[in-house]
Amino acid sequence: MTLEAAFGSVIKQLRVEKGLSQEKLAFESSLDRSYISQIECGHRQPTLLTIFQLAKALQVAPAQIIESAETLYNQ
């Protein structure tokens, strides 16, 4: 699994756990829905700002997202 895919998987898992659609997450994070989709599919590498926007919208710490992605990537 690539690092991008691991990150995307974590974002999707958190989004689903919070009961958010891609569209709602996009709205809450001030990002485009298609960009959320591309992140979840591992086709985009988010910037630091984007990670913080996603974390705020998902109500988790940015470090939690990174740590979860790192764990998944290292499996």
N, C-alpha and C. Protein backbone atom coordinates (compact mmCIF):
# COMPACT_ATOMS: atom_id res chain seq x y z
N MET A 1 0.84 -1.18 0.00
CA MET A 1 0.00 0.00 0.00
C MET A 1 0.89 1.25 0.00
N THR A 2 0.52 2.20 -0.83
CA THR A 2 1.29 3.44 -0.86
C THR A 2 0.90 4.33 0.32
N LEU A 3 1.74 5.29 0.61
CA LEU A 3 1.44 6.23 1.69
C LEU A 3 0.18 7.04 1.36
N GLU A 4 0.02 7.41 0.10
CA GLU A 4 -1.17 8.15 -0.32
C GLU A 4 -2.44 7.33 -0.11
N ALA A 5 -2.37 6.04 -0.44
CA ALA A 5 -3.52 5.16 -0.26
C ALA A 5 -3.83 4.96 1.22
N ALA A 6 -2.79 4.84 2.05
CA ALA A 6 -2.99 4.69 3.49
C ALA A 6 -3.67 5.93 4.06
N PHE A 7 -3.19 7.10 3.66
CA PHE A 7 -3.79 8.35 4.14
C PHE A 7 -5.25 8.43 3.71
N GLY A 8 -5.51 8.14 2.45
CA GLY A 8 -6.88 8.17 1.94
C GLY A 8 -7.80 7.22 2.64
N SER A 9 -7.29 6.04 2.95
CA SER A 9 -8.08 5.05 3.67
C SER A 9 -8.45 5.55 5.06
N VAL A 10 -7.53 6.21 5.72
CA VAL A 10 -7.79 6.75 7.05
C VAL A 10 -8.86 7.84 6.97
N ILE A 11 -8.74 8.72 5.99
CA ILE A 11 -9.73 9.78 5.83
C ILE A 11 -11.11 9.19 5.57
N LYS A 12 -11.18 8.20 4.70
CA LYS A 12 -12.48 7.58 4.40
C LYS A 12 -13.06 6.91 5.64
N GLN A 13 -12.22 6.19 6.38
CA GLN A 13 -12.70 5.51 7.58
C GLN A 13 -13.25 6.52 8.59
N LEU A 14 -12.52 7.60 8.83
CA LEU A 14 -12.98 8.62 9.77
C LEU A 14 -14.26 9.28 9.28
N ARG A 15 -14.34 9.54 7.99
CA ARG A 15 -15.53 10.16 7.42
C ARG A 15 -16.76 9.27 7.61
N VAL A 16 -16.60 7.99 7.33
CA VAL A 16 -17.71 7.04 7.48
C VAL A 16 -18.11 6.91 8.95
N GLU A 17 -17.11 6.83 9.84
CA GLU A 17 -17.40 6.74 11.28
C GLU A 17 -18.19 7.94 11.78
N LYS A 18 -17.91 9.10 11.21
CA LYS A 18 -18.61 10.33 11.61
C LYS A 18 -19.95 10.48 10.90
N GLY A 19 -20.25 9.58 9.97
CA GLY A 19 -21.52 9.62 9.26
C GLY A 19 -21.61 10.75 8.24
N LEU A 20 -20.46 11.12 7.66
CA LEU A 20 -20.41 12.21 6.70
C LEU A 20 -20.30 11.68 5.27
N SER A 21 -20.97 12.34 4.37
CA SER A 21 -20.77 12.05 2.95
C SER A 21 -19.53 12.81 2.51
N GLN A 22 -19.03 12.46 1.34
CA GLN A 22 -17.90 13.21 0.80
C GLN A 22 -18.28 14.68 0.61
N GLU A 23 -19.49 14.89 0.17
CA GLU A 23 -19.97 16.26 -0.05
C GLU A 23 -20.01 17.06 1.25
N LYS A 24 -20.49 16.44 2.32
CA LYS A 24 -20.56 17.13 3.62
C LYS A 24 -19.16 17.40 4.15
N LEU A 25 -18.25 16.43 4.03
CA LEU A 25 -16.87 16.63 4.47
C LEU A 25 -16.22 17.75 3.66
N ALA A 26 -16.49 17.77 2.37
CA ALA A 26 -15.94 18.83 1.52
C ALA A 26 -16.43 20.19 1.99
N PHE A 27 -17.71 20.29 2.27
CA PHE A 27 -18.28 21.56 2.74
C PHE A 27 -17.66 21.97 4.07
N GLU A 28 -17.59 21.04 5.01
CA GLU A 28 -17.08 21.33 6.35
C GLU A 28 -15.59 21.70 6.33
N SER A 29 -14.85 21.19 5.37
CA SER A 29 -13.40 21.44 5.31
C SER A 29 -13.03 22.50 4.26
N SER A 30 -14.04 23.07 3.61
CA SER A 30 -13.82 24.09 2.57
C SER A 30 -12.98 23.55 1.40
N LEU A 31 -13.21 22.30 1.06
CA LEU A 31 -12.51 21.66 -0.05
C LEU A 31 -13.55 21.20 -1.07
N ASP A 32 -13.10 20.84 -2.24
CA ASP A 32 -13.99 20.35 -3.29
C ASP A 32 -14.28 18.87 -3.09
N ARG A 33 -15.51 18.46 -3.37
CA ARG A 33 -15.87 17.05 -3.19
C ARG A 33 -15.01 16.13 -4.04
N SER A 34 -14.70 16.54 -5.25
CA SER A 34 -13.87 15.69 -6.11
C SER A 34 -12.46 15.55 -5.54
N TYR A 35 -11.99 16.58 -4.86
CA TYR A 35 -10.67 16.51 -4.22
C TYR A 35 -10.69 15.52 -3.06
N ILE A 36 -11.77 15.52 -2.29
CA ILE A 36 -11.93 14.53 -1.21
C ILE A 36 -11.89 13.13 -1.79
N SER A 37 -12.60 12.92 -2.88
CA SER A 37 -12.62 11.61 -3.54
C SER A 37 -11.22 11.20 -3.99
N GLN A 38 -10.48 12.13 -4.58
CA GLN A 38 -9.13 11.83 -5.05
C GLN A 38 -8.19 11.52 -3.88
N ILE A 39 -8.36 12.19 -2.76
CA ILE A 39 -7.56 11.88 -1.57
C ILE A 39 -7.89 10.48 -1.09
N GLU A 40 -9.18 10.17 -0.97
CA GLU A 40 -9.59 8.86 -0.48
C GLU A 40 -9.12 7.72 -1.38
N CYS A 41 -9.01 7.99 -2.66
CA CYS A 41 -8.54 6.97 -3.61
C CYS A 41 -7.02 6.89 -3.69
N GLY A 42 -6.34 7.79 -3.00
CA GLY A 42 -4.88 7.78 -3.00
C GLY A 42 -4.27 8.42 -4.24
N HIS A 43 -5.06 9.24 -4.94
CA HIS A 43 -4.57 9.89 -6.15
C HIS A 43 -4.00 11.28 -5.91
N ARG A 44 -4.18 11.81 -4.71
CA ARG A 44 -3.69 13.14 -4.37
C ARG A 44 -2.91 13.10 -3.07
N GLN A 45 -1.93 13.98 -2.98
CA GLN A 45 -1.15 14.14 -1.76
C GLN A 45 -1.56 15.48 -1.13
N PRO A 46 -2.23 15.45 -0.01
CA PRO A 46 -2.71 16.70 0.59
C PRO A 46 -1.58 17.52 1.19
N THR A 47 -1.78 18.83 1.19
CA THR A 47 -0.83 19.72 1.84
C THR A 47 -1.06 19.70 3.34
N LEU A 48 -0.15 20.30 4.06
CA LEU A 48 -0.31 20.41 5.51
C LEU A 48 -1.59 21.16 5.85
N LEU A 49 -1.87 22.23 5.14
CA LEU A 49 -3.10 22.99 5.36
C LEU A 49 -4.32 22.11 5.17
N THR A 50 -4.31 21.31 4.11
CA THR A 50 -5.44 20.41 3.83
C THR A 50 -5.62 19.39 4.95
N ILE A 51 -4.54 18.86 5.46
CA ILE A 51 -4.62 17.89 6.56
C ILE A 51 -5.28 18.54 7.77
N PHE A 52 -4.91 19.77 8.07
CA PHE A 52 -5.51 20.48 9.20
C PHE A 52 -6.99 20.78 8.95
N GLN A 53 -7.34 21.14 7.72
CA GLN A 53 -8.75 21.39 7.40
C GLN A 53 -9.58 20.12 7.55
N LEU A 54 -9.05 19.00 7.07
CA LEU A 54 -9.76 17.73 7.20
C LEU A 54 -9.90 17.32 8.66
N ALA A 55 -8.82 17.49 9.42
CA ALA A 55 -8.85 17.12 10.84
C ALA A 55 -9.91 17.92 11.58
N LYS A 56 -9.97 19.21 11.31
CA LYS A 56 -10.97 20.05 11.98
C LYS A 56 -12.38 19.61 11.62
N ALA A 57 -12.61 19.35 10.34
CA ALA A 57 -13.93 18.91 9.89
C ALA A 57 -14.31 17.55 10.47
N LEU A 58 -13.31 16.70 10.65
CA LEU A 58 -13.56 15.35 11.20
C LEU A 58 -13.49 15.32 12.73
N GLN A 59 -13.16 16.46 13.33
CA GLN A 59 -13.09 16.60 14.78
C GLN A 59 -12.08 15.63 15.41
N VAL A 60 -10.91 15.57 14.79
CA VAL A 60 -9.79 14.78 15.31
C VAL A 60 -8.53 15.63 15.20
N ALA A 61 -7.51 15.25 15.92
CA ALA A 61 -6.23 15.94 15.83
C ALA A 61 -5.53 15.56 14.53
N PRO A 62 -4.86 16.51 13.90
CA PRO A 62 -4.10 16.17 12.69
C PRO A 62 -3.10 15.04 12.95
N ALA A 63 -2.50 15.05 14.13
CA ALA A 63 -1.53 14.01 14.48
C ALA A 63 -2.17 12.62 14.49
N GLN A 64 -3.44 12.55 14.86
CA GLN A 64 -4.14 11.25 14.87
C GLN A 64 -4.27 10.71 13.45
N ILE A 65 -4.57 11.59 12.52
CA ILE A 65 -4.69 11.18 11.11
C ILE A 65 -3.34 10.67 10.61
N ILE A 66 -2.29 11.42 10.87
CA ILE A 66 -0.95 11.04 10.42
C ILE A 66 -0.51 9.74 11.06
N GLU A 67 -0.74 9.61 12.36
CA GLU A 67 -0.33 8.38 13.07
C GLU A 67 -1.07 7.16 12.52
N SER A 68 -2.37 7.31 12.27
CA SER A 68 -3.15 6.19 11.73
C SER A 68 -2.67 5.83 10.33
N ALA A 69 -2.36 6.83 9.52
CA ALA A 69 -1.86 6.58 8.17
C ALA A 69 -0.50 5.89 8.23
N GLU A 70 0.33 6.33 9.15
CA GLU A 70 1.66 5.71 9.30
C GLU A 70 1.55 4.25 9.72
N THR A 71 0.67 3.98 10.64
CA THR A 71 0.45 2.60 11.11
C THR A 71 -0.02 1.72 9.97
N LEU A 72 -1.00 2.20 9.21
CA LEU A 72 -1.53 1.43 8.08
C LEU A 72 -0.47 1.23 7.01
N TYR A 73 0.31 2.25 6.74
CA TYR A 73 1.37 2.18 5.73
C TYR A 73 2.45 1.17 6.10
N ASN A 74 2.76 1.07 7.39
CA ASN A 74 3.83 0.19 7.86
C ASN A 74 3.40 -1.26 8.07
N GLN A 75 2.14 -1.57 7.81
CA GLN A 75 1.67 -2.96 7.99
C GLN A 75 2.12 -3.83 6.85
